[in-house]
PDB file of N, CA and C in Angstrom:
ATOM      1  N   MET A   1     -73.571-259.796 149.271  1.00  0.00           N
ATOM      2  CA  MET A   1     -72.510-258.832 149.472  1.00  0.00           C
ATOM      3  C   MET A   1     -72.794-257.597 148.622  1.00  0.00           C
ATOM      4  N   LYS A   2     -72.627-256.439 149.194  1.00  0.00           N
ATOM      5  CA  LYS A   2     -72.896-255.174 148.511  1.00  0.00           C
ATOM      6  C   LYS A   2     -71.737-254.826 147.577  1.00  0.00           C
ATOM      7  N   ASN A   3     -72.070-254.442 146.351  1.00  0.00           N
ATOM      8  CA  ASN A   3     -71.057-254.045 145.380  1.00  0.00           C
ATOM      9  C   ASN A   3     -70.780-252.558 145.540  1.00  0.00           C
ATOM     10  N   THR A   4     -69.620-252.219 146.079  1.00  0.00           N
ATOM     11  CA  THR A   4     -69.278-250.815 146.297  1.00  0.00           C
ATOM     12  C   THR A   4     -68.478-250.226 145.145  1.00  0.00           C
ATOM     13  N   ALA A   5     -68.134-251.034 144.152  1.00  0.00           N
ATOM     14  CA  ALA A   5     -67.338-250.533 143.022  1.00  0.00           C
ATOM     15  C   ALA A   5     -68.064-249.411 142.298  1.00  0.00           C
ATOM     16  N   LYS A   6     -69.381-249.468 142.225  1.00  0.00           N
ATOM     17  CA  LYS A   6     -70.150-248.420 141.557  1.00  0.00           C
ATOM     18  C   LYS A   6     -70.085-247.099 142.318  1.00  0.00           C
ATOM     19  N   ASN A   7     -69.850-247.167 143.622  1.00  0.00           N
ATOM     20  CA  ASN A   7     -69.833-245.976 144.471  1.00  0.00           C
ATOM     21  C   ASN A   7     -68.421-245.497 144.789  1.00  0.00           C
ATOM     22  N   THR A   8     -67.441-246.036 144.086  1.00  0.00           N
ATOM     23  CA  THR A   8     -66.050-245.705 144.374  1.00  0.00           C
ATOM     24  C   THR A   8     -65.396-245.072 143.155  1.00  0.00           C
ATOM     25  N   ILE A   9     -64.661-244.013 143.418  1.00  0.00           N
ATOM     26  CA  ILE A   9     -63.871-243.364 142.376  1.00  0.00           C
ATOM     27  C   ILE A   9     -62.410-243.535 142.757  1.00  0.00           C
ATOM     28  N   ARG A  10     -61.623-244.045 141.860  1.00  0.00           N
ATOM     29  CA  ARG A  10     -60.200-244.230 142.128  1.00  0.00           C
ATOM     30  C   ARG A  10     -59.432-243.031 141.581  1.00  0.00           C
ATOM     31  N   ARG A  11     -58.492-242.528 142.398  1.00  0.00           N
ATOM     32  CA  ARG A  11     -57.633-241.418 142.013  1.00  0.00           C
ATOM     33  C   ARG A  11     -56.212-241.758 142.401  1.00  0.00           C
ATOM     34  N   SER A  12     -55.301-241.371 141.578  1.00  0.00           N
ATOM     35  CA  SER A  12     -53.893-241.545 141.882  1.00  0.00           C
ATOM     36  C   SER A  12     -53.324-240.177 142.240  1.00  0.00           C
ATOM     37  N   ILE A  13     -52.675-240.089 143.388  1.00  0.00           N
ATOM     38  CA  ILE A  13     -52.100-238.820 143.815  1.00  0.00           C
ATOM     39  C   ILE A  13     -50.658-239.045 144.243  1.00  0.00           C
ATOM     40  N   ALA A  14     -49.879-237.997 144.141  1.00  0.00           N
ATOM     41  CA  ALA A  14     -48.491-238.051 144.592  1.00  0.00           C
ATOM     42  C   ALA A  14     -48.382-237.203 145.853  1.00  0.00           C
ATOM     43  N   LEU A  15     -47.853-237.798 146.909  1.00  0.00           N
ATOM     44  CA  LEU A  15     -47.703-237.101 148.188  1.00  0.00           C
ATOM     45  C   LEU A  15     -46.248-237.188 148.636  1.00  0.00           C
ATOM     46  N   PRO A  16     -45.774-236.140 149.271  1.00  0.00           N
ATOM     47  CA  PRO A  16     -44.423-236.201 149.816  1.00  0.00           C
ATOM     48  C   PRO A  16     -44.324-237.303 150.877  1.00  0.00           C
ATOM     49  N   ASN A  17     -43.250-238.049 150.854  1.00  0.00           N
ATOM     50  CA  ASN A  17     -43.054-239.135 151.802  1.00  0.00           C
ATOM     51  C   ASN A  17     -43.130-238.638 153.243  1.00  0.00           C
ATOM     52  N   ASP A  18     -42.552-237.464 153.513  1.00  0.00           N
ATOM     53  CA  ASP A  18     -42.582-236.917 154.875  1.00  0.00           C
ATOM     54  C   ASP A  18     -44.016-236.706 155.368  1.00  0.00           C
ATOM     55  N   LEU A  19     -44.873-236.235 154.484  1.00  0.00           N
ATOM     56  CA  LEU A  19     -46.275-236.020 154.857  1.00  0.00           C
ATOM     57  C   LEU A  19     -46.951-237.343 155.177  1.00  0.00           C
ATOM     58  N   VAL A  20     -46.730-238.347 154.343  1.00  0.00           N
ATOM     59  CA  VAL A  20     -47.343-239.665 154.571  1.00  0.00           C
ATOM     60  C   VAL A  20     -46.872-240.244 155.901  1.00  0.00           C
ATOM     61  N   GLU A  21     -45.585-240.132 156.180  1.00  0.00           N
ATOM     62  CA  GLU A  21     -45.058-240.655 157.447  1.00  0.00           C
ATOM     63  C   GLU A  21     -45.631-239.893 158.643  1.00  0.00           C
ATOM     64  N   GLU A  22     -45.752-238.580 158.503  1.00  0.00           N
ATOM     65  CA  GLU A  22     -46.337-237.790 159.594  1.00  0.00           C
ATOM     66  C   GLU A  22     -47.794-238.168 159.822  1.00  0.00           C
ATOM     67  N   LEU A  23     -48.542-238.353 158.724  1.00  0.00           N
ATOM     68  CA  LEU A  23     -49.939-238.776 158.852  1.00  0.00           C
ATOM     69  C   LEU A  23     -50.045-240.102 159.586  1.00  0.00           C
ATOM     70  N   ARG A  24     -49.211-241.035 159.215  1.00  0.00           N
ATOM     71  CA  ARG A  24     -49.259-242.347 159.872  1.00  0.00           C
ATOM     72  C   ARG A  24     -48.889-242.243 161.348  1.00  0.00           C
ATOM     73  N   THR A  25     -48.030-241.299 161.680  1.00  0.00           N
ATOM     74  CA  THR A  25     -47.612-241.125 163.064  1.00  0.00           C
ATOM     75  C   THR A  25     -48.743-240.583 163.927  1.00  0.00           C
ATOM     76  N   ILE A  26     -49.510-239.642 163.376  1.00  0.00           N
ATOM     77  CA  ILE A  26     -50.553-239.006 164.179  1.00  0.00           C
ATOM     78  C   ILE A  26     -51.942-239.609 163.980  1.00  0.00           C
ATOM     79  N   ALA A  27     -52.068-240.505 163.017  1.00  0.00           N
ATOM     80  CA  ALA A  27     -53.379-241.111 162.724  1.00  0.00           C
ATOM     81  C   ALA A  27     -53.815-242.020 163.864  1.00  0.00           C
ATOM     82  N   PRO A  28     -55.128-242.158 164.033  1.00  0.00           N
ATOM     83  CA  PRO A  28     -55.623-243.141 165.014  1.00  0.00           C
ATOM     84  C   PRO A  28     -55.073-244.531 164.649  1.00  0.00           C
ATOM     85  N   PRO A  29     -54.769-245.353 165.631  1.00  0.00           N
ATOM     86  CA  PRO A  29     -54.158-246.665 165.366  1.00  0.00           C
ATOM     87  C   PRO A  29     -54.909-247.515 164.348  1.00  0.00           C
ATOM     88  N   GLU A  30     -56.230-247.449 164.377  1.00  0.00           N
ATOM     89  CA  GLU A  30     -57.015-248.289 163.457  1.00  0.00           C
ATOM     90  C   GLU A  30     -56.922-247.834 162.005  1.00  0.00           C
ATOM     91  N   LEU A  31     -56.372-246.645 161.758  1.00  0.00           N
ATOM     92  CA  LEU A  31     -56.264-246.133 160.387  1.00  0.00           C
ATOM     93  C   LEU A  31     -54.827-246.115 159.857  1.00  0.00           C
ATOM     94  N   ARG A  32     -53.863-246.364 160.693  1.00  0.00           N
ATOM     95  CA  ARG A  32     -52.454-246.231 160.302  1.00  0.00           C
ATOM     96  C   ARG A  32     -52.046-247.163 159.170  1.00  0.00           C
ATOM     97  N   ASP A  33     -52.590-248.344 159.153  1.00  0.00           N
ATOM     98  CA  ASP A  33     -52.166-249.329 158.157  1.00  0.00           C
ATOM     99  C   ASP A  33     -53.094-249.419 156.951  1.00  0.00           C
ATOM    100  N   ASN A  34     -54.117-248.586 156.903  1.00  0.00           N
ATOM    101  CA  ASN A  34     -55.040-248.594 155.765  1.00  0.00           C
ATOM    102  C   ASN A  34     -55.114-247.173 155.226  1.00  0.00           C
ATOM    103  N   PHE A  35     -54.258-246.883 154.257  1.00  0.00           N
ATOM    104  CA  PHE A  35     -54.149-245.514 153.764  1.00  0.00           C
ATOM    105  C   PHE A  35     -55.443-245.033 153.108  1.00  0.00           C
ATOM    106  N   ASN A  36     -56.156-245.915 152.427  1.00  0.00           N
ATOM    107  CA  ASN A  36     -57.437-245.520 151.830  1.00  0.00           C
ATOM    108  C   ASN A  36     -58.414-245.056 152.902  1.00  0.00           C
ATOM    109  N   ARG A  37     -58.526-245.817 153.979  1.00  0.00           N
ATOM    110  CA  ARG A  37     -59.427-245.427 155.067  1.00  0.00           C
ATOM    111  C   ARG A  37     -58.962-244.137 155.724  1.00  0.00           C
ATOM    112  N   LEU A  38     -57.656-243.972 155.875  1.00  0.00           N
ATOM    113  CA  LEU A  38     -57.119-242.755 156.486  1.00  0.00           C
ATOM    114  C   LEU A  38     -57.449-241.532 155.638  1.00  0.00           C
ATOM    115  N   VAL A  39     -57.215-241.621 154.338  1.00  0.00           N
ATOM    116  CA  VAL A  39     -57.509-240.493 153.448  1.00  0.00           C
ATOM    117  C   VAL A  39     -59.006-240.214 153.423  1.00  0.00           C
ATOM    118  N   THR A  40     -59.822-241.252 153.384  1.00  0.00           N
ATOM    119  CA  THR A  40     -61.274-241.061 153.409  1.00  0.00           C
ATOM    120  C   THR A  40     -61.695-240.367 154.696  1.00  0.00           C
ATOM    121  N   PHE A  41     -61.168-240.807 155.819  1.00  0.00           N
ATOM    122  CA  PHE A  41     -61.468-240.192 157.115  1.00  0.00           C
ATOM    123  C   PHE A  41     -61.100-238.708 157.100  1.00  0.00           C
ATOM    124  N   ILE A  42     -59.916-238.396 156.603  1.00  0.00           N
ATOM    125  CA  ILE A  42     -59.447-237.005 156.550  1.00  0.00           C
ATOM    126  C   ILE A  42     -60.341-236.158 155.655  1.00  0.00           C
ATOM    127  N   LEU A  43     -60.712-236.685 154.500  1.00  0.00           N
ATOM    128  CA  LEU A  43     -61.551-235.918 153.574  1.00  0.00           C
ATOM    129  C   LEU A  43     -62.964-235.724 154.107  1.00  0.00           C
ATOM    130  N   VAL A  44     -63.505-236.725 154.765  1.00  0.00           N
ATOM    131  CA  VAL A  44     -64.837-236.575 155.376  1.00  0.00           C
ATOM    132  C   VAL A  44     -64.787-235.510 156.462  1.00  0.00           C
ATOM    133  N   ASP A  45     -63.738-235.542 157.286  1.00  0.00           N
ATOM    134  CA  ASP A  45     -63.596-234.543 158.341  1.00  0.00           C
ATOM    135  C   ASP A  45     -63.419-233.148 157.750  1.00  0.00           C
ATOM    136  N   PHE A  46     -62.606-233.029 156.712  1.00  0.00           N
ATOM    137  CA  PHE A  46     -62.400-231.738 156.048  1.00  0.00           C
ATOM    138  C   PHE A  46     -63.722-231.211 155.483  1.00  0.00           C
ATOM    139  N   THR A  47     -64.486-232.074 154.840  1.00  0.00           N
ATOM    140  CA  THR A  47     -65.770-231.677 154.264  1.00  0.00           C
ATOM    141  C   THR A  47     -66.723-231.195 155.349  1.00  0.00           C
ATOM    142  N   ARG A  48     -66.795-231.920 156.464  1.00  0.00           N
ATOM    143  CA  ARG A  48     -67.659-231.525 157.576  1.00  0.00           C
ATOM    144  C   ARG A  48     -67.260-230.161 158.125  1.00  0.00           C
ATOM    145  N   ARG A  49     -65.957-229.946 158.316  1.00  0.00           N
ATOM    146  CA  ARG A  49     -65.493-228.668 158.860  1.00  0.00           C
ATOM    147  C   ARG A  49     -65.742-227.524 157.882  1.00  0.00           C
ATOM    148  N   GLN A  50     -65.579-227.774 156.591  1.00  0.00           N
ATOM    149  CA  GLN A  50     -65.828-226.727 155.591  1.00  0.00           C
ATOM    150  C   GLN A  50     -67.302-226.343 155.557  1.00  0.00           C
ATOM    151  N   LYS A  51     -68.182-227.334 155.619  1.00  0.00           N
ATOM    152  CA  LYS A  51     -69.619-227.046 155.634  1.00  0.00           C
ATOM    153  C   LYS A  51     -69.994-226.238 156.874  1.00  0.00           C
ATOM    154  N   LYS A  52     -69.422-226.614 158.016  1.00  0.00           N
ATOM    155  CA  LYS A  52     -69.685-225.887 159.253  1.00  0.00           C
ATOM    156  C   LYS A  52     -69.189-224.449 159.133  1.00  0.00           C
ATOM    157  N   TYR A  53     -67.996-224.267 158.602  1.00  0.00           N
ATOM    158  CA  TYR A  53     -67.437-222.925 158.421  1.00  0.00           C
ATOM    159  C   TYR A  53     -68.310-222.090 157.480  1.00  0.00           C
ATOM    160  N   GLN A  54     -68.735-222.686 156.374  1.00  0.00           N
ATOM    161  CA  GLN A  54     -69.575-221.960 155.419  1.00  0.00           C
ATOM    162  C   GLN A  54     -70.905-221.565 156.049  1.00  0.00           C
ATOM    163  N   PHE A  55     -71.490-222.463 156.845  1.00  0.00           N
ATOM    164  CA  PHE A  55     -72.746-222.147 157.526  1.00  0.00           C
ATOM    165  C   PHE A  55     -72.541-221.005 158.516  1.00  0.00           C
ATOM    166  N   GLU A  56     -71.479-221.092 159.324  1.00  0.00           N
ATOM    167  CA  GLU A  56     -71.212-220.047 160.305  1.00  0.00           C
ATOM    168  C   GLU A  56     -70.941-218.702 159.634  1.00  0.00           C
ATOM    169  N   THR A  57     -70.246-218.724 158.507  1.00  0.00           N
ATOM    170  CA  THR A  57     -69.975-217.495 157.760  1.00  0.00           C
ATOM    171  C   THR A  57     -71.273-216.898 157.234  1.00  0.00           C
ATOM    172  N   ALA A  58     -72.139-217.738 156.684  1.00  0.00           N
ATOM    173  CA  ALA A  58     -73.422-217.257 156.168  1.00  0.00           C
ATOM    174  C   ALA A  58     -74.275-216.683 157.295  1.00  0.00           C
ATOM    175  N   MET A  59     -74.268-217.334 158.457  1.00  0.00           N
ATOM    176  CA  MET A  59     -75.045-216.824 159.590  1.00  0.00           C
ATOM    177  C   MET A  59     -74.497-215.482 160.065  1.00  0.00           C
ATOM    178  N   ALA A  60     -73.180-215.348 160.092  1.00  0.00           N
ATOM    179  CA  ALA A  60     -72.570-214.081 160.515  1.00  0.00           C
ATOM    180  C   ALA A  60     -72.910-212.967 159.526  1.00  0.00           C
ATOM    181  N   GLU A  61     -72.905-213.292 158.244  1.00  0.00           N
ATOM    182  CA  GLU A  61     -73.278-212.293 157.233  1.00  0.00           C
ATOM    183  C   GLU A  61     -74.736-211.879 157.409  1.00  0.00           C
ATOM    184  N   MET A  62     -75.598-212.853 157.675  1.00  0.00           N
ATOM    185  CA  MET A  62     -77.015-212.536 157.898  1.00  0.00           C
ATOM    186  C   MET A  62     -77.186-211.677 159.132  1.00  0.00           C
ATOM    187  N   ALA A  63     -76.416-211.973 160.175  1.00  0.00           N
ATOM    188  CA  ALA A  63     -76.530-211.216 161.425  1.00  0.00           C
ATOM    189  C   ALA A  63     -76.113-209.762 161.237  1.00  0.00           C
ATOM    190  N   ASN A  64     -75.282-209.503 160.255  1.00  0.00           N
ATOM    191  CA  ASN A  64     -74.833-208.133 159.993  1.00  0.00           C
ATOM    192  C   ASN A  64     -75.661-207.429 158.921  1.00  0.00           C
ATOM    193  N   ASP A  65     -76.631-208.122 158.345  1.00  0.00           N
ATOM    194  CA  ASP A  65     -77.471-207.543 157.290  1.00  0.00           C
ATOM    195  C   ASP A  65     -78.563-206.692 157.938  1.00  0.00           C
ATOM    196  N   PRO A  66     -78.600-205.383 157.659  1.00  0.00           N
ATOM    197  CA  PRO A  66     -79.596-204.505 158.286  1.00  0.00           C
ATOM    198  C   PRO A  66     -81.044-204.928 158.026  1.00  0.00           C
ATOM    199  N   ALA A  67     -81.342-205.412 156.840  1.00  0.00           N
ATOM    200  CA  ALA A  67     -82.715-205.830 156.524  1.00  0.00           C
ATOM    201  C   ALA A  67     -83.122-207.027 157.380  1.00  0.00           C
ATOM    202  N   ILE A  68     -82.240-207.979 157.524  1.00  0.00           N
ATOM    203  CA  ILE A  68     -82.547-209.161 158.333  1.00  0.00           C
ATOM    204  C   ILE A  68     -82.645-208.772 159.804  1.00  0.00           C
ATOM    205  N   ARG A  69     -81.778-207.879 160.257  1.00  0.00           N
ATOM    206  CA  ARG A  69     -81.841-207.429 161.647  1.00  0.00           C
ATOM    207  C   ARG A  69     -83.172-206.741 161.937  1.00  0.00           C
ATOM    208  N   GLU A  70     -83.683-205.976 160.978  1.00  0.00           N
ATOM    209  CA  GLU A  70     -84.980-205.299 161.147  1.00  0.00           C
ATOM    210  C   GLU A  70     -86.097-206.334 161.256  1.00  0.00           C
ATOM    211  N   ILE A  71     -86.087-207.334 160.385  1.00  0.00           N
ATOM    212  CA  ILE A  71     -87.118-208.380 160.427  1.00  0.00           C
ATOM    213  C   ILE A  71     -87.062-209.118 161.761  1.00  0.00           C
ATOM    214  N   CYS A  72     -85.864-209.440 162.215  1.00  0.00           N
ATOM    215  CA  CYS A  72     -85.711-210.137 163.495  1.00  0.00           C
ATOM    216  C   CYS A  72     -86.236-209.282 164.652  1.00  0.00           C
ATOM    217  N   SER A  73     -86.003-207.994 164.579  1.00  0.00           N
ATOM    218  CA  SER A  73     -86.484-207.090 165.625  1.00  0.00           C
ATOM    219  C   SER A  73     -88.014-207.076 165.665  1.00  0.00           C
ATOM    220  N   VAL A  74     -88.634-206.986 164.495  1.00  0.00           N
ATOM    221  CA  VAL A  74     -90.099-206.986 164.415  1.00  0.00           C
ATOM    222  C   VAL A  74     -90.649-208.303 164.961  1.00  0.00           C
ATOM    223  N   LEU A  75     -90.053-209.422 164.537  1.00  0.00           N
ATOM    224  CA  LEU A  75     -90.514-210.727 165.012  1.00  0.00           C
ATOM    225  C   LEU A  75     -90.343-210.857 166.520  1.00  0.00           C
ATOM    226  N   SER A  76     -89.239-210.361 167.034  1.00  0.00           N
ATOM    227  CA  SER A  76     -88.996-210.421 168.472  1.00  0.00           C
ATOM    228  C   SER A  76     -90.055-209.635 169.236  1.00  0.00           C
ATOM    229  N   GLU A  77     -90.396-208.453 168.745  1.00  0.00           N
ATOM    230  CA  GLU A  77     -91.438-207.656 169.395  1.00  0.00           C
ATOM    231  C   GLU A  77     -92.771-208.398 169.376  1.00  0.00           C
ATOM    232  N   GLU A  78     -93.104-209.011 168.244  1.00  0.00           N
ATOM    233  CA  GLU A  78     -94.367-209.736 168.142  1.00  0.00           C
ATOM    234  C   GLU A  78     -94.397-210.924 169.097  1.00  0.00           C
ATOM    235  N   PHE A  79     -93.308-211.654 169.191  1.00  0.00           N
ATOM    236  CA  PHE A  79     -93.265-212.786 170.099  1.00  0.00           C
ATOM    237  C   PHE A  79     -93.321-212.336 171.557  1.00  0.00           C
ATOM    238  N   THR A  80     -92.675-211.228 171.865  1.00  0.00           N
ATOM    239  CA  THR A  80     -92.708-210.712 173.234  1.00  0.00           C
ATOM    240  C   THR A  80     -94.136-210.358 173.624  1.00  0.00           C
ATOM    241  N   ARG A  81     -94.884-209.711 172.730  1.00  0.00           N
ATOM    242  CA  ARG A  81     -96.280-209.388 173.006  1.00  0.00           C
ATOM    243  C   ARG A  81     -97.091-210.654 173.212  1.00  0.00           C
ATOM    244  N   ALA A  82     -96.838-211.677 172.375  1.00  0.00           N
ATOM    245  CA  ALA A  82     -97.580-212.918 172.497  1.00  0.00           C
ATOM    246  C   ALA A  82     -97.264-213.640 173.817  1.00  0.00           C
ATOM    247  N   GLU A  83     -95.991-213.591 174.221  1.00  0.00           N
ATOM    248  CA  GLU A  83     -95.603-214.209 175.490  1.00  0.00           C
ATOM    249  C   GLU A  83     -96.278-213.526 176.680  1.00  0.00           C
ATOM    250  N   ASN A  84     -96.496-212.236 176.566  1.00  0.00           N
ATOM    251  CA  ASN A  84     -97.026-211.457 177.686  1.00  0.00           C
ATOM    252  C   ASN A  84     -98.549-211.349 177.687  1.00  0.00           C
ATOM    253  N   ASP A  85     -99.227-212.012 176.752  1.00  0.00           N
ATOM    254  CA  ASP A  85    -100.678-211.848 176.683  1.00  0.00           C
ATOM    255  C   ASP A  85    -101.425-212.793 177.626  1.00  0.00           C
ATOM    256  N   GLY A  86    -100.706-213.587 178.382  1.00  0.00           N
ATOM    257  CA  GLY A  86    -101.353-214.405 179.408  1.00  0.00           C
ATOM    258  C   GLY A  86    -101.794-215.760 178.947  1.00  0.00           C
ATOM    259  N   LEU A  87    -101.404-216.198 177.785  1.00  0.00           N
ATOM    260  CA  LEU A  87    -101.813-217.536 177.343  1.00  0.00           C
ATOM    261  C   LEU A  87    -101.098-218.567 178.107  1.00  0.00           C
TER     262      LEU A  87
END
């Protein structure tokens, strides 16, 4: 049996009862009765969405950077020439 105690951090938090009841109402059935699993699921999803947002923000910033746009333009021209050389 794998010992997960080393990989677990316990935290005590206070949540409004209304929020907990609402979470249980909208949670997938398999998570409604296991609050630890529900909170873990929510935090994993939040982390995934934040990473995606940060990546998209960084890409948008790069797309608006004049220096990067110039490099992309040069690379595009080079690839276009290579595509058209008959290989």
